[in-house]
N, C-alpha and C. Protein backbone atom coordinates (compact mmCIF):
# COMPACT_ATOMS: atom_id res chain seq x y z
N MET A 1 -55.88 -27.55 112.50
CA MET A 1 -55.59 -26.44 112.76
C MET A 1 -54.49 -25.34 112.43
N SER A 2 -54.97 -24.68 111.41
CA SER A 2 -53.89 -23.98 112.03
C SER A 2 -53.34 -22.83 113.57
N GLN A 3 -52.31 -22.27 113.47
CA GLN A 3 -51.96 -21.31 114.47
C GLN A 3 -52.49 -20.24 114.39
N TYR A 4 -52.61 -20.19 113.13
CA TYR A 4 -52.44 -17.84 113.26
C TYR A 4 -54.31 -18.05 113.21
N PRO A 5 -54.40 -16.68 112.99
CA PRO A 5 -55.84 -16.30 113.41
C PRO A 5 -56.72 -16.49 111.63
N ARG A 6 -57.25 -16.57 112.01
CA ARG A 6 -58.16 -16.40 110.31
C ARG A 6 -58.38 -15.23 109.59
N ASP A 7 -58.47 -15.20 107.87
CA ASP A 7 -58.51 -13.47 107.65
C ASP A 7 -59.60 -14.63 106.17
N GLU A 8 -59.14 -13.04 105.77
CA GLU A 8 -60.14 -12.84 104.73
C GLU A 8 -59.57 -14.05 103.81
N PHE A 9 -58.18 -13.94 103.84
CA PHE A 9 -57.68 -15.27 102.67
C PHE A 9 -58.09 -16.81 102.98
N ASP A 10 -57.90 -16.95 104.02
CA ASP A 10 -58.56 -18.40 104.36
C ASP A 10 -59.93 -18.37 104.06
N LYS A 11 -61.07 -17.56 103.79
CA LYS A 11 -62.52 -17.69 103.09
C LYS A 11 -62.11 -19.01 101.91
N VAL A 12 -61.79 -20.14 101.85
CA VAL A 12 -61.22 -21.13 101.20
C VAL A 12 -62.61 -21.87 101.34
N PRO A 13 -62.39 -23.11 100.50
CA PRO A 13 -63.12 -24.66 100.80
C PRO A 13 -62.73 -25.70 101.99
N GLU A 14 -62.35 -26.02 102.18
CA GLU A 14 -61.72 -26.46 103.59
C GLU A 14 -60.98 -27.79 102.93
N THR A 15 -61.56 -28.10 101.92
CA THR A 15 -61.44 -29.09 100.92
C THR A 15 -59.73 -28.70 100.44
N SER A 16 -59.96 -27.82 99.91
CA SER A 16 -59.51 -27.12 98.97
C SER A 16 -57.40 -27.22 99.31
N ALA A 17 -56.85 -28.24 98.55
CA ALA A 17 -55.28 -27.62 98.28
C ALA A 17 -54.61 -26.75 98.57
N ARG A 18 -54.90 -25.47 97.36
CA ARG A 18 -54.76 -24.00 97.15
C ARG A 18 -53.37 -23.39 99.56
N GLN A 19 -52.87 -23.07 99.07
CA GLN A 19 -52.33 -22.41 99.32
C GLN A 19 -52.30 -20.91 100.01
N GLY A 20 -51.84 -20.31 101.03
CA GLY A 20 -52.53 -18.82 100.71
C GLY A 20 -50.75 -18.06 100.09
N VAL A 21 -50.97 -16.84 99.98
CA VAL A 21 -50.36 -16.79 98.34
C VAL A 21 -49.64 -15.83 99.31
N HIS A 22 -49.62 -15.56 100.27
CA HIS A 22 -48.92 -14.44 101.20
C HIS A 22 -48.12 -14.87 101.84
N ARG A 23 -48.45 -16.52 102.11
CA ARG A 23 -47.50 -16.98 102.99
C ARG A 23 -46.61 -17.32 102.34
N GLU A 24 -45.25 -17.52 102.73
CA GLU A 24 -43.63 -18.04 102.17
C GLU A 24 -44.10 -18.89 101.92
N ARG A 25 -42.95 -20.22 101.30
CA ARG A 25 -42.78 -21.39 101.40
C ARG A 25 -40.98 -20.77 102.62
N LEU A 26 -41.92 -22.19 103.07
CA LEU A 26 -41.01 -22.64 104.08
C LEU A 26 -39.46 -23.91 104.00
N ILE A 27 -40.16 -24.38 102.93
CA ILE A 27 -39.37 -25.06 101.96
C ILE A 27 -38.11 -24.53 101.19
N PRO A 28 -36.67 -24.31 101.41
CA PRO A 28 -36.02 -24.00 100.39
C PRO A 28 -35.56 -24.07 99.25
N THR A 29 -35.86 -23.47 98.25
CA THR A 29 -35.48 -23.48 96.22
C THR A 29 -34.28 -24.52 96.45
N ARG A 30 -34.50 -25.14 95.57
CA ARG A 30 -33.02 -25.80 94.39
C ARG A 30 -32.67 -25.31 93.53
N SER A 31 -31.18 -25.46 94.42
CA SER A 31 -30.24 -24.54 93.02
C SER A 31 -30.48 -24.38 91.54
N ASN A 32 -30.29 -23.41 90.43
CA ASN A 32 -31.14 -24.35 89.56
C ASN A 32 -29.76 -24.56 88.43
N GLY A 33 -28.85 -24.86 88.51
CA GLY A 33 -27.36 -25.14 87.71
C GLY A 33 -26.77 -23.96 87.76
N LEU A 34 -26.92 -22.89 87.85
CA LEU A 34 -26.11 -21.91 87.00
C LEU A 34 -25.19 -21.91 87.63
N GLY A 35 -24.84 -22.22 88.45
CA GLY A 35 -23.06 -21.54 89.10
C GLY A 35 -22.21 -22.61 88.58
N LEU A 36 -23.36 -23.97 88.58
CA LEU A 36 -21.91 -25.37 88.14
C LEU A 36 -21.76 -24.11 86.63
N LEU A 37 -22.45 -24.52 85.77
CA LEU A 37 -22.88 -23.66 84.62
C LEU A 37 -21.18 -22.75 84.22
N ILE A 38 -21.35 -21.65 85.31
CA ILE A 38 -20.33 -21.05 84.98
C ILE A 38 -19.40 -21.37 85.94
N THR A 39 -18.98 -22.81 86.84
CA THR A 39 -17.49 -22.52 87.52
C THR A 39 -17.09 -23.78 85.73
N VAL A 40 -17.70 -24.41 85.04
CA VAL A 40 -17.23 -25.37 83.76
C VAL A 40 -16.54 -24.23 82.52
N GLY A 41 -17.30 -22.81 82.66
CA GLY A 41 -16.72 -22.13 81.50
C GLY A 41 -15.65 -21.89 81.67
N VAL A 42 -16.07 -21.08 83.02
CA VAL A 42 -14.53 -20.36 82.98
C VAL A 42 -12.83 -21.64 83.03
N LEU A 43 -12.91 -22.88 83.22
CA LEU A 43 -12.88 -23.80 83.80
C LEU A 43 -12.05 -24.18 82.01
N ALA A 44 -13.05 -24.70 81.59
CA ALA A 44 -12.85 -24.55 79.78
C ALA A 44 -12.12 -23.57 78.88
N LEU A 45 -12.11 -22.15 79.60
CA LEU A 45 -11.33 -20.51 78.70
C LEU A 45 -10.09 -21.40 79.76
N LEU A 46 -10.24 -21.42 81.01
CA LEU A 46 -8.37 -21.25 81.11
C LEU A 46 -7.53 -22.42 80.63
N ILE A 47 -7.96 -23.44 80.60
CA ILE A 47 -7.83 -24.76 79.54
C ILE A 47 -7.32 -24.17 78.47
N GLY A 48 -8.44 -23.81 77.51
CA GLY A 48 -8.30 -23.28 76.13
C GLY A 48 -6.91 -22.46 76.04
N LEU A 49 -6.76 -21.16 76.98
CA LEU A 49 -5.64 -20.53 77.10
C LEU A 49 -4.18 -21.02 77.14
N ALA A 50 -4.40 -22.36 78.03
CA ALA A 50 -3.47 -22.74 78.31
C ALA A 50 -2.52 -23.63 77.07
N ALA A 51 -3.20 -24.46 76.30
CA ALA A 51 -2.68 -24.71 75.43
C ALA A 51 -2.62 -24.76 74.26
N TYR A 52 -3.37 -23.04 73.87
CA TYR A 52 -2.64 -22.11 73.15
C TYR A 52 -1.57 -21.37 73.72
N LEU A 53 -1.15 -20.92 74.58
CA LEU A 53 0.42 -20.60 75.37
C LEU A 53 1.35 -21.28 75.52
N VAL A 54 1.03 -22.62 75.95
CA VAL A 54 1.68 -23.36 76.47
C VAL A 54 2.29 -24.67 75.56
N LEU A 55 1.19 -25.16 75.02
CA LEU A 55 1.76 -26.20 74.30
C LEU A 55 2.93 -25.82 73.13
N PRO A 56 2.39 -24.54 71.95
CA PRO A 56 3.52 -23.78 71.16
C PRO A 56 5.10 -23.80 71.83
N ARG A 57 4.98 -23.90 73.13
CA ARG A 57 6.72 -23.92 73.47
C ARG A 57 7.47 -24.87 73.94
N LEU A 58 6.38 -26.05 74.10
CA LEU A 58 6.39 -27.21 74.50
C LEU A 58 6.93 -28.03 73.14
N GLY A 59 6.66 -27.65 72.04
CA GLY A 59 6.26 -27.84 70.86
C GLY A 59 5.69 -29.02 70.57
N ILE A 60 4.74 -29.17 70.85
CA ILE A 60 3.57 -30.02 70.69
C ILE A 60 3.03 -29.16 69.72
N GLY A 61 2.12 -30.17 68.95
CA GLY A 61 1.74 -30.02 67.47
C GLY A 61 2.81 -28.69 66.53
N ALA A 62 3.36 -28.75 66.29
CA ALA A 62 4.18 -28.14 65.78
C ALA A 62 4.60 -28.19 64.34
N GLY A 63 3.43 -29.51 64.41
CA GLY A 63 3.41 -29.95 62.92
C GLY A 63 2.79 -29.21 62.39
N SER A 64 1.53 -28.86 62.94
CA SER A 64 -0.04 -28.55 62.48
C SER A 64 0.49 -27.30 62.41
N ALA A 65 1.75 -25.87 63.16
CA ALA A 65 1.38 -24.63 63.70
C ALA A 65 2.10 -24.34 61.94
N ALA A 66 1.16 -22.60 62.18
CA ALA A 66 1.77 -21.53 61.29
C ALA A 66 2.93 -21.32 61.24
N PRO A 67 3.58 -21.04 60.41
CA PRO A 67 5.62 -20.68 60.67
C PRO A 67 5.59 -19.46 60.87
N SER A 68 6.66 -19.26 62.37
CA SER A 68 6.37 -18.06 62.54
C SER A 68 6.48 -17.22 61.10
N PRO A 69 6.64 -15.64 62.01
CA PRO A 69 7.11 -14.26 60.50
C PRO A 69 8.40 -14.41 60.16
N GLU A 70 9.23 -14.64 61.10
CA GLU A 70 10.41 -15.05 60.50
C GLU A 70 10.89 -15.97 59.48
N ALA A 71 10.08 -16.70 59.73
CA ALA A 71 10.21 -18.40 59.05
C ALA A 71 9.76 -17.65 57.70
N GLN A 72 8.68 -17.35 57.59
CA GLN A 72 7.27 -16.76 56.41
C GLN A 72 9.37 -16.36 55.57
N ALA A 73 9.29 -14.42 56.13
CA ALA A 73 10.32 -13.47 55.45
C ALA A 73 11.32 -14.09 54.49
N SER A 74 11.97 -15.22 55.65
CA SER A 74 13.76 -15.75 55.51
C SER A 74 13.19 -16.83 54.28
N ALA A 75 11.51 -17.42 53.63
CA ALA A 75 11.31 -18.33 52.76
C ALA A 75 11.67 -18.01 51.37
N PRO A 76 11.26 -16.57 50.99
CA PRO A 76 10.85 -15.99 49.38
C PRO A 76 12.23 -15.33 49.71
N ALA A 77 13.44 -15.46 50.32
CA ALA A 77 14.66 -14.55 50.50
C ALA A 77 15.44 -15.69 49.69
N SER A 78 14.83 -16.36 50.41
CA SER A 78 15.76 -18.73 50.02
C SER A 78 15.19 -18.67 48.84
N ALA A 79 13.90 -18.94 48.39
CA ALA A 79 13.61 -19.95 47.12
C ALA A 79 14.64 -18.78 45.70
N SER A 80 14.00 -17.37 45.69
CA SER A 80 14.99 -16.40 45.22
C SER A 80 16.41 -16.59 44.67
N ALA A 81 16.84 -16.82 45.96
CA ALA A 81 17.90 -17.52 45.32
C ALA A 81 18.61 -18.68 44.96
N SER A 82 18.10 -19.66 45.37
CA SER A 82 18.07 -20.42 44.55
C SER A 82 17.64 -20.51 43.34
N ALA A 83 16.87 -19.70 42.67
CA ALA A 83 16.36 -19.87 41.28
C ALA A 83 17.71 -19.14 40.70
N ALA A 84 18.44 -18.07 40.81
CA ALA A 84 19.36 -17.82 40.37
C ALA A 84 20.23 -18.64 40.26
N ALA A 85 20.87 -18.75 41.44
CA ALA A 85 21.15 -20.40 41.25
C ALA A 85 21.53 -20.89 39.80
N THR A 86 20.74 -21.90 40.17
CA THR A 86 19.44 -22.67 39.13
C THR A 86 20.05 -22.47 37.95
N PRO A 87 20.61 -22.48 36.76
CA PRO A 87 20.19 -22.37 34.96
C PRO A 87 18.54 -22.56 34.13
N THR A 88 17.62 -22.64 34.28
CA THR A 88 16.65 -22.52 33.77
C THR A 88 17.16 -23.70 32.16
N PRO A 89 16.12 -24.59 32.64
CA PRO A 89 16.12 -25.73 31.40
C PRO A 89 16.54 -24.71 29.76
N GLU A 90 15.62 -23.34 29.48
CA GLU A 90 15.38 -23.07 28.11
C GLU A 90 16.66 -22.46 28.04
N ALA A 91 17.44 -21.94 29.18
CA ALA A 91 18.98 -21.10 28.42
C ALA A 91 19.83 -22.88 28.42
N LYS A 92 19.64 -23.26 28.96
CA LYS A 92 20.66 -24.92 28.73
C LYS A 92 20.71 -25.27 26.91
N ALA A 93 19.36 -24.56 27.30
CA ALA A 93 18.86 -25.46 25.29
C ALA A 93 19.45 -24.40 24.23
N ASP A 94 19.66 -23.36 24.67
CA ASP A 94 19.89 -22.27 24.07
C ASP A 94 21.68 -22.82 23.98
N ASP A 95 22.10 -22.68 25.14
CA ASP A 95 23.78 -22.45 25.36
C ASP A 95 23.45 -24.13 24.13
N ALA A 96 23.65 -25.01 24.08
CA ALA A 96 23.54 -26.47 23.79
C ALA A 96 23.44 -26.72 22.19
N SER A 97 21.78 -25.26 21.69
CA SER A 97 22.10 -26.08 20.78
C SER A 97 23.11 -25.25 19.18
N PRO A 98 23.14 -26.15 17.97
CA PRO A 98 24.70 -24.89 17.18
C PRO A 98 24.16 -23.53 16.88
N SER A 99 25.12 -22.81 16.88
CA SER A 99 23.90 -21.77 15.90
C SER A 99 24.02 -22.08 14.07
N PRO A 100 22.85 -21.30 13.88
CA PRO A 100 22.67 -22.19 12.65
C PRO A 100 23.12 -21.22 11.56
N ALA A 101 23.84 -22.07 10.52
CA ALA A 101 25.20 -21.80 9.28
C ALA A 101 24.71 -21.01 9.11
N PRO A 102 24.92 -19.94 8.70
CA PRO A 102 25.40 -19.27 7.24
C PRO A 102 24.43 -19.45 5.88
N ALA A 103 23.41 -19.01 5.44
CA ALA A 103 22.70 -19.86 4.15
C ALA A 103 24.05 -19.15 3.63
N SER A 104 23.97 -20.29 2.45
CA SER A 104 25.17 -20.36 1.24
C SER A 104 24.67 -19.36 0.06
N THR A 105 25.57 -18.28 -0.50
CA THR A 105 24.64 -17.48 -1.34
C THR A 105 24.54 -18.51 -2.90
N PRO A 106 23.51 -18.77 -3.61
CA PRO A 106 23.71 -19.50 -4.88
C PRO A 106 24.84 -18.61 -5.94
N ALA A 107 25.45 -19.66 -6.27
CA ALA A 107 26.49 -18.46 -7.63
C ALA A 107 25.28 -18.54 -8.56
N PRO A 108 25.76 -17.05 -9.64
CA PRO A 108 24.73 -16.56 -10.25
C PRO A 108 25.57 -17.73 -11.72
N THR A 109 24.65 -18.16 -12.54
CA THR A 109 24.12 -18.82 -13.01
C THR A 109 24.62 -17.55 -14.74
N PRO A 110 25.98 -18.62 -15.14
CA PRO A 110 26.29 -17.67 -16.14
C PRO A 110 25.46 -17.94 -17.62
N THR A 111 24.98 -16.05 -17.84
CA THR A 111 23.37 -16.17 -18.90
C THR A 111 24.42 -16.28 -19.92
N PRO A 112 22.97 -17.36 -20.85
CA PRO A 112 24.34 -17.95 -22.05
C PRO A 112 23.85 -16.37 -23.31
N THR A 113 26.03 -16.41 -24.19
CA THR A 113 25.30 -15.04 -24.78
C THR A 113 24.13 -16.27 -26.13
N PRO A 114 23.15 -15.01 -26.68
CA PRO A 114 23.75 -16.54 -27.64
C PRO A 114 23.93 -16.25 -29.54
N THR A 115 23.52 -17.10 -29.45
CA THR A 115 24.19 -17.19 -30.90
C THR A 115 23.67 -16.14 -32.06
N PRO A 116 24.58 -15.91 -32.48
CA PRO A 116 23.91 -14.59 -34.18
C PRO A 116 23.41 -15.30 -34.78
N THR A 117 22.73 -14.62 -35.78
CA THR A 117 22.04 -15.89 -37.06
C THR A 117 22.59 -15.43 -38.00
N PRO A 118 23.26 -16.09 -38.69
CA PRO A 118 23.98 -15.68 -39.98
C PRO A 118 22.73 -15.07 -41.10
N THR A 119 23.45 -13.44 -41.36
CA THR A 119 22.77 -13.76 -42.65
C THR A 119 22.98 -14.42 -43.86
N PRO A 120 22.09 -14.42 -44.53
CA PRO A 120 22.35 -14.48 -45.23
C PRO A 120 23.47 -14.51 -46.38
N THR A 121 24.60 -14.27 -47.26
CA THR A 121 24.78 -12.93 -47.61
C THR A 121 24.28 -13.41 -49.82
N ALA A 122 24.14 -11.94 -49.38
CA ALA A 122 23.84 -11.85 -50.76
C ALA A 122 24.44 -12.25 -51.96
N PRO A 123 23.77 -12.92 -53.42
CA PRO A 123 24.80 -12.91 -54.52
C PRO A 123 25.27 -12.08 -55.55
N ALA A 124 27.00 -11.44 -55.23
CA ALA A 124 27.39 -10.46 -55.70
C ALA A 124 26.87 -10.59 -57.02
N ILE A 125 27.37 -9.00 -57.50
CA ILE A 125 26.64 -8.59 -58.92
C ILE A 125 28.59 -9.08 -60.14
N ASP A 126 27.28 -10.02 -60.63
CA ASP A 126 28.52 -10.69 -61.86
C ASP A 126 27.40 -9.77 -63.34
N ARG A 127 29.02 -8.51 -63.16
CA ARG A 127 28.43 -8.33 -65.11
C ARG A 127 29.16 -9.54 -66.18
N THR A 128 29.70 -10.56 -65.74
CA THR A 128 30.26 -11.07 -66.89
C THR A 128 29.17 -11.99 -67.23
N GLN A 129 27.81 -12.27 -66.58
CA GLN A 129 26.93 -13.15 -66.82
C GLN A 129 26.42 -12.21 -68.10
N PRO A 130 25.87 -13.40 -69.43
CA PRO A 130 25.61 -12.68 -70.46
C PRO A 130 23.59 -12.28 -69.98
N VAL A 131 23.94 -11.65 -70.56
CA VAL A 131 21.86 -11.31 -71.09
C VAL A 131 21.63 -10.59 -71.97
N ALA A 132 20.18 -10.94 -72.95
CA ALA A 132 19.64 -11.44 -73.78
C ALA A 132 19.17 -9.48 -73.89
N VAL A 133 19.06 -9.50 -74.81
CA VAL A 133 18.53 -8.10 -74.95
C VAL A 133 16.93 -8.59 -76.10
N PHE A 134 15.28 -8.52 -75.39
CA PHE A 134 14.41 -8.49 -76.84
C PHE A 134 13.61 -7.19 -76.85
N ASN A 135 13.47 -6.45 -77.93
CA ASN A 135 12.17 -5.84 -77.76
C ASN A 135 11.04 -5.75 -78.58
N ALA A 136 9.86 -5.88 -77.31
CA ALA A 136 8.87 -6.69 -77.61
C ALA A 136 7.91 -5.43 -78.04
N SER A 137 8.12 -3.95 -78.41
CA SER A 137 7.56 -2.88 -78.01
C SER A 137 7.16 -2.49 -79.13
N GLY A 138 7.49 -3.19 -80.60
CA GLY A 138 6.85 -2.30 -81.87
C GLY A 138 8.00 -1.57 -82.26
N VAL A 139 8.67 -1.11 -81.35
CA VAL A 139 9.62 0.42 -81.94
C VAL A 139 10.61 -0.05 -82.08
N THR A 140 11.46 0.11 -83.67
CA THR A 140 12.46 -0.21 -84.21
C THR A 140 13.72 0.45 -83.67
N GLY A 141 14.08 -0.74 -83.79
CA GLY A 141 16.75 -0.11 -83.08
C GLY A 141 16.08 0.15 -81.50
N LEU A 142 14.51 0.00 -80.79
CA LEU A 142 15.23 0.17 -79.86
C LEU A 142 16.29 -1.31 -78.66
N GLY A 143 15.45 -1.85 -78.92
CA GLY A 143 16.52 -2.95 -78.57
C GLY A 143 17.93 -2.42 -79.04
N ALA A 144 18.11 -2.38 -79.93
CA ALA A 144 19.93 -2.13 -79.96
C ALA A 144 19.93 -1.00 -79.79
N GLY A 145 19.46 0.06 -79.30
CA GLY A 145 19.44 0.75 -78.74
C GLY A 145 20.33 0.89 -77.19
N VAL A 146 19.13 0.04 -76.03
CA VAL A 146 18.99 -0.60 -74.93
C VAL A 146 20.35 -0.91 -74.59
N SER A 147 20.45 -2.25 -75.53
CA SER A 147 21.61 -2.73 -75.40
C SER A 147 23.26 -2.06 -75.52
N GLY A 148 22.54 -1.10 -76.04
CA GLY A 148 24.43 -0.64 -76.64
C GLY A 148 24.35 0.38 -75.17
N ARG A 149 23.11 1.03 -73.73
CA ARG A 149 23.57 0.42 -72.94
C ARG A 149 24.60 0.56 -71.98
N MET A 150 23.98 -0.67 -72.29
CA MET A 150 24.39 -2.24 -70.81
C MET A 150 25.69 -2.15 -71.09
N SER A 151 26.36 -2.53 -72.75
CA SER A 151 27.34 -2.77 -72.69
C SER A 151 28.00 -1.46 -72.12
N ALA A 152 27.73 -0.17 -72.19
CA ALA A 152 28.44 0.78 -71.78
C ALA A 152 28.72 0.34 -70.62
N ALA A 153 27.27 0.38 -69.97
CA ALA A 153 27.79 0.08 -68.37
C ALA A 153 27.80 -1.11 -67.77
N GLY A 154 28.74 -1.63 -69.20
CA GLY A 154 29.99 -3.08 -68.50
C GLY A 154 29.07 -4.38 -68.57
N TRP A 155 28.16 -4.18 -68.41
CA TRP A 155 27.95 -5.56 -68.78
C TRP A 155 28.43 -6.72 -70.08
N ALA A 156 27.96 -7.62 -69.81
CA ALA A 156 28.40 -8.97 -70.99
C ALA A 156 26.95 -8.72 -72.24
N VAL A 157 26.59 -8.12 -72.71
CA VAL A 157 25.64 -8.55 -73.47
C VAL A 157 25.09 -9.54 -74.67
N GLY A 158 24.70 -10.77 -74.39
CA GLY A 158 24.53 -12.02 -75.37
C GLY A 158 23.04 -11.46 -76.72
N THR A 159 22.56 -11.83 -76.46
CA THR A 159 21.15 -12.04 -77.65
C THR A 159 20.65 -10.46 -77.78
N VAL A 160 20.97 -10.29 -78.92
CA VAL A 160 19.61 -8.74 -79.02
C VAL A 160 18.62 -9.46 -80.40
N ALA A 161 17.77 -9.04 -79.89
CA ALA A 161 16.55 -9.69 -81.60
C ALA A 161 15.14 -8.14 -80.93
N ASN A 162 14.33 -9.17 -81.56
CA ASN A 162 12.82 -9.01 -81.33
C ASN A 162 12.04 -10.26 -81.00
N TRP A 163 10.84 -9.68 -79.78
CA TRP A 163 10.43 -10.57 -79.33
C TRP A 163 9.80 -11.63 -80.04
N ALA A 164 9.82 -13.35 -80.31
CA ALA A 164 9.04 -13.41 -81.22
C ALA A 164 7.35 -14.52 -80.13
N GLY A 165 7.64 -14.19 -78.58
CA GLY A 165 6.61 -14.95 -77.84
C GLY A 165 4.95 -14.02 -78.13
N ALA A 166 4.54 -14.88 -76.77
CA ALA A 166 3.55 -14.13 -76.64
C ALA A 166 2.69 -12.40 -76.37
N PRO A 167 2.33 -11.50 -76.66
CA PRO A 167 2.00 -10.30 -77.06
C PRO A 167 2.73 -10.03 -75.17
N GLN A 168 3.53 -9.01 -74.92
CA GLN A 168 3.79 -8.41 -73.36
C GLN A 168 3.19 -7.22 -72.93
N GLN A 169 2.65 -7.16 -71.78
CA GLN A 169 1.74 -5.88 -71.85
C GLN A 169 2.79 -4.60 -70.72
N GLY A 170 3.79 -5.27 -70.79
CA GLY A 170 4.80 -4.40 -69.33
C GLY A 170 6.33 -4.59 -70.00
N SER A 171 7.10 -3.89 -70.13
CA SER A 171 8.70 -4.17 -69.25
C SER A 171 8.49 -5.18 -68.36
N GLY A 172 10.02 -6.04 -67.75
CA GLY A 172 10.35 -6.13 -67.74
C GLY A 172 11.98 -7.50 -67.70
N VAL A 173 12.60 -7.78 -65.97
CA VAL A 173 13.51 -8.46 -66.53
C VAL A 173 13.06 -9.42 -65.52
N TYR A 174 13.96 -10.93 -66.17
CA TYR A 174 13.60 -11.71 -65.98
C TYR A 174 14.95 -12.12 -65.51
N TYR A 175 14.26 -14.03 -64.95
CA TYR A 175 15.34 -15.06 -64.00
C TYR A 175 14.80 -15.87 -63.72
N SER A 176 15.78 -17.13 -63.89
CA SER A 176 14.14 -18.11 -62.74
C SER A 176 15.61 -18.98 -62.19
N SER A 177 16.93 -18.28 -61.37
CA SER A 177 17.91 -19.03 -60.72
C SER A 177 17.87 -18.14 -59.47
N PRO A 178 18.05 -18.39 -58.63
CA PRO A 178 18.39 -17.44 -57.48
C PRO A 178 19.43 -16.52 -57.61
N GLU A 179 20.87 -17.50 -58.27
CA GLU A 179 22.27 -16.62 -58.66
C GLU A 179 21.94 -16.02 -59.32
N LEU A 180 21.31 -15.16 -60.31
CA LEU A 180 20.72 -14.27 -60.83
C LEU A 180 20.29 -12.84 -60.15
N ALA A 181 19.33 -13.60 -59.17
CA ALA A 181 18.65 -12.33 -58.58
C ALA A 181 19.79 -11.19 -58.69
N ALA A 182 20.78 -11.18 -58.23
CA ALA A 182 21.54 -10.24 -58.20
C ALA A 182 21.91 -9.10 -59.31
N ASN A 183 22.17 -9.80 -60.07
CA ASN A 183 21.82 -9.16 -61.88
C ASN A 183 20.29 -8.50 -62.39
N ALA A 184 19.92 -8.79 -62.16
CA ALA A 184 18.74 -8.92 -62.54
C ALA A 184 18.38 -7.46 -61.74
N GLN A 185 18.44 -7.40 -60.72
CA GLN A 185 17.43 -6.71 -59.90
C GLN A 185 17.98 -4.78 -60.18
N GLU A 186 19.86 -5.40 -60.37
CA GLU A 186 21.00 -3.97 -60.71
C GLU A 186 20.50 -3.48 -62.07
N ILE A 187 20.34 -4.11 -63.27
CA ILE A 187 19.76 -4.67 -64.42
C ILE A 187 18.72 -3.71 -64.75
N GLY A 188 17.30 -3.92 -64.07
CA GLY A 188 15.70 -3.23 -63.52
C GLY A 188 16.11 -2.26 -62.93
N ALA A 189 17.05 -1.86 -62.14
CA ALA A 189 17.13 -0.70 -61.46
C ALA A 189 17.52 0.59 -62.66
N GLN A 190 18.89 0.14 -63.16
CA GLN A 190 19.03 0.82 -63.93
C GLN A 190 18.40 1.28 -66.01
N LEU A 191 17.60 0.28 -66.03
CA LEU A 191 16.20 0.35 -67.09
C LEU A 191 14.88 0.44 -66.65
N GLY A 192 15.17 0.75 -64.96
CA GLY A 192 13.59 1.29 -64.88
C GLY A 192 12.47 0.84 -64.71
N ILE A 193 12.91 -0.78 -65.20
CA ILE A 193 11.62 -1.63 -64.80
C ILE A 193 11.57 -2.65 -63.72
N PRO A 194 10.89 -3.48 -63.96
CA PRO A 194 10.77 -4.13 -62.46
C PRO A 194 11.76 -5.48 -62.41
N ALA A 195 12.18 -6.44 -61.87
CA ALA A 195 13.40 -7.49 -61.46
C ALA A 195 12.24 -9.06 -61.16
N LEU A 196 11.39 -9.73 -62.04
CA LEU A 196 11.07 -10.84 -61.55
C LEU A 196 11.12 -11.78 -62.24
N GLU A 197 11.52 -12.99 -61.37
CA GLU A 197 11.68 -14.48 -60.93
C GLU A 197 10.37 -14.99 -61.86
N THR A 198 10.97 -15.70 -62.38
CA THR A 198 9.95 -15.96 -63.91
C THR A 198 11.14 -17.35 -63.95
N PRO A 199 10.12 -19.20 -64.20
CA PRO A 199 10.97 -20.15 -64.55
C PRO A 199 11.10 -19.72 -66.20
N GLY A 200 12.12 -20.53 -66.80
CA GLY A 200 11.61 -20.89 -68.02
C GLY A 200 12.86 -20.13 -68.75
N PHE A 201 13.74 -19.00 -67.85
CA PHE A 201 15.28 -18.44 -68.75
C PHE A 201 16.32 -18.13 -68.49
N ALA A 202 16.94 -19.20 -68.33
CA ALA A 202 18.23 -19.29 -68.16
C ALA A 202 19.19 -18.37 -68.56
N SER A 203 18.57 -17.02 -68.86
CA SER A 203 19.65 -15.97 -68.15
C SER A 203 19.10 -14.68 -67.47
N VAL A 204 19.38 -13.53 -67.11
CA VAL A 204 18.87 -12.57 -67.55
C VAL A 204 17.90 -12.01 -68.57
N THR A 205 16.85 -12.28 -68.61
CA THR A 205 16.25 -11.43 -69.78
C THR A 205 15.76 -10.22 -70.04
N VAL A 206 15.96 -9.19 -70.72
CA VAL A 206 15.20 -8.31 -71.29
C VAL A 206 14.00 -7.99 -72.26
N ILE A 207 13.31 -7.63 -71.27
CA ILE A 207 12.11 -7.28 -72.38
C ILE A 207 11.28 -6.40 -72.30
N LEU A 208 11.64 -5.65 -73.22
CA LEU A 208 11.18 -4.13 -73.60
C LEU A 208 9.57 -4.12 -74.70
N GLY A 209 8.75 -3.73 -73.43
CA GLY A 209 7.66 -3.74 -73.73
C GLY A 209 6.53 -2.33 -74.32
N PRO A 210 5.65 -3.19 -74.45
CA PRO A 210 4.36 -1.88 -75.04
C PRO A 210 4.73 -0.15 -74.26
N GLY A 211 5.16 0.84 -75.09
CA GLY A 211 5.40 2.26 -73.87
C GLY A 211 6.81 2.41 -73.06
N TYR A 212 7.42 1.34 -73.28
CA TYR A 212 8.71 1.58 -72.63
C TYR A 212 10.10 3.10 -73.81
N ARG A 213 10.40 3.92 -73.10
CA ARG A 213 10.97 4.99 -73.97
C ARG A 213 12.37 4.96 -73.30
């Protein structure tokens, strides 16, 4: 039995294991370890600060530490100086390569002078060659009159006669040799009749056909 007087909170069965809610526990509560955790955290923080501040000064971990600002500033300057002092491979290649030789100008090819084609020389007029005169016009004395005019012009007149061959439709000066072409053309120009190259005539032959005056 309890030494305290009974009250309204004691109205519970005698067999119940419940305790009165108003009574304090006489057994002290155990610590939940919060103080230990705080202590461990403070120690870890101090160790970290010591490692961050002290170890770099002692040279520990220098291989993995970042370079100081002074070293970073001096590194680009050193690299620039070494790059300026060392010639680039392209510059060496340019200095070593020989300069291209100037292109030689080909000598002008002489233009061949065309050889003039010789002009065939026309046969000279030879008035000493005999000229035959035939009258085929039917007009009496026409052959004699034409032959007289030719003789007066310096031609050597040979045969003068009436034409006994086939009837002629016109007048002409006939010749068969190219050497007599100049004589026949000159006589034809004087008499006003054409000069015709015709085989069978041994000399220049004048035939006076119908209608010639």
